[in-house]
Amino acid sequence: MIDVRQTLASETLPFDASRYFKDEAAQKRLLMDAFATGHAGYIAAALGTVAKARGMTQIARQANMSRGSLYKALSLEGDPQLTTLLGVLDTMGLGLTIRGKRGKATAVTERA
């Protein structure tokens, strides 16, 4: 008798997106897309993908974090602190720019 479970079982390998984001332009497009969504998990995961493509150990060292902590913070379930986010962006030579959302007026008032 044939064991269907054994016949249909297949091995899957984890997908590593960082293999496809080796050039800086692709990395920037990924990060811009992630930030445009406003989804914290996607932003963290995109940063993790770029950090892994650039060398997670080096990024962690420059950001004064352990490699394991950085992997955890920059995962889909991660929720990095602002200091972590800014530190990682700085080590990558990137920064944040604030702008108004499309179609919404923004005003900055100066206080006397």
Foldseek 3Di string as FASTA:
>chain_A
DDDVCVVPDDDDDDDQCLVVVQDPVSLVVQLVVQVVVVQQLSNLQSLVSPCVSVPLCVLCVQLVHHSVVSNQQSHSPHRDDPSSVQSSQVVVVHDDDDDDDPPDDDDDDDDD
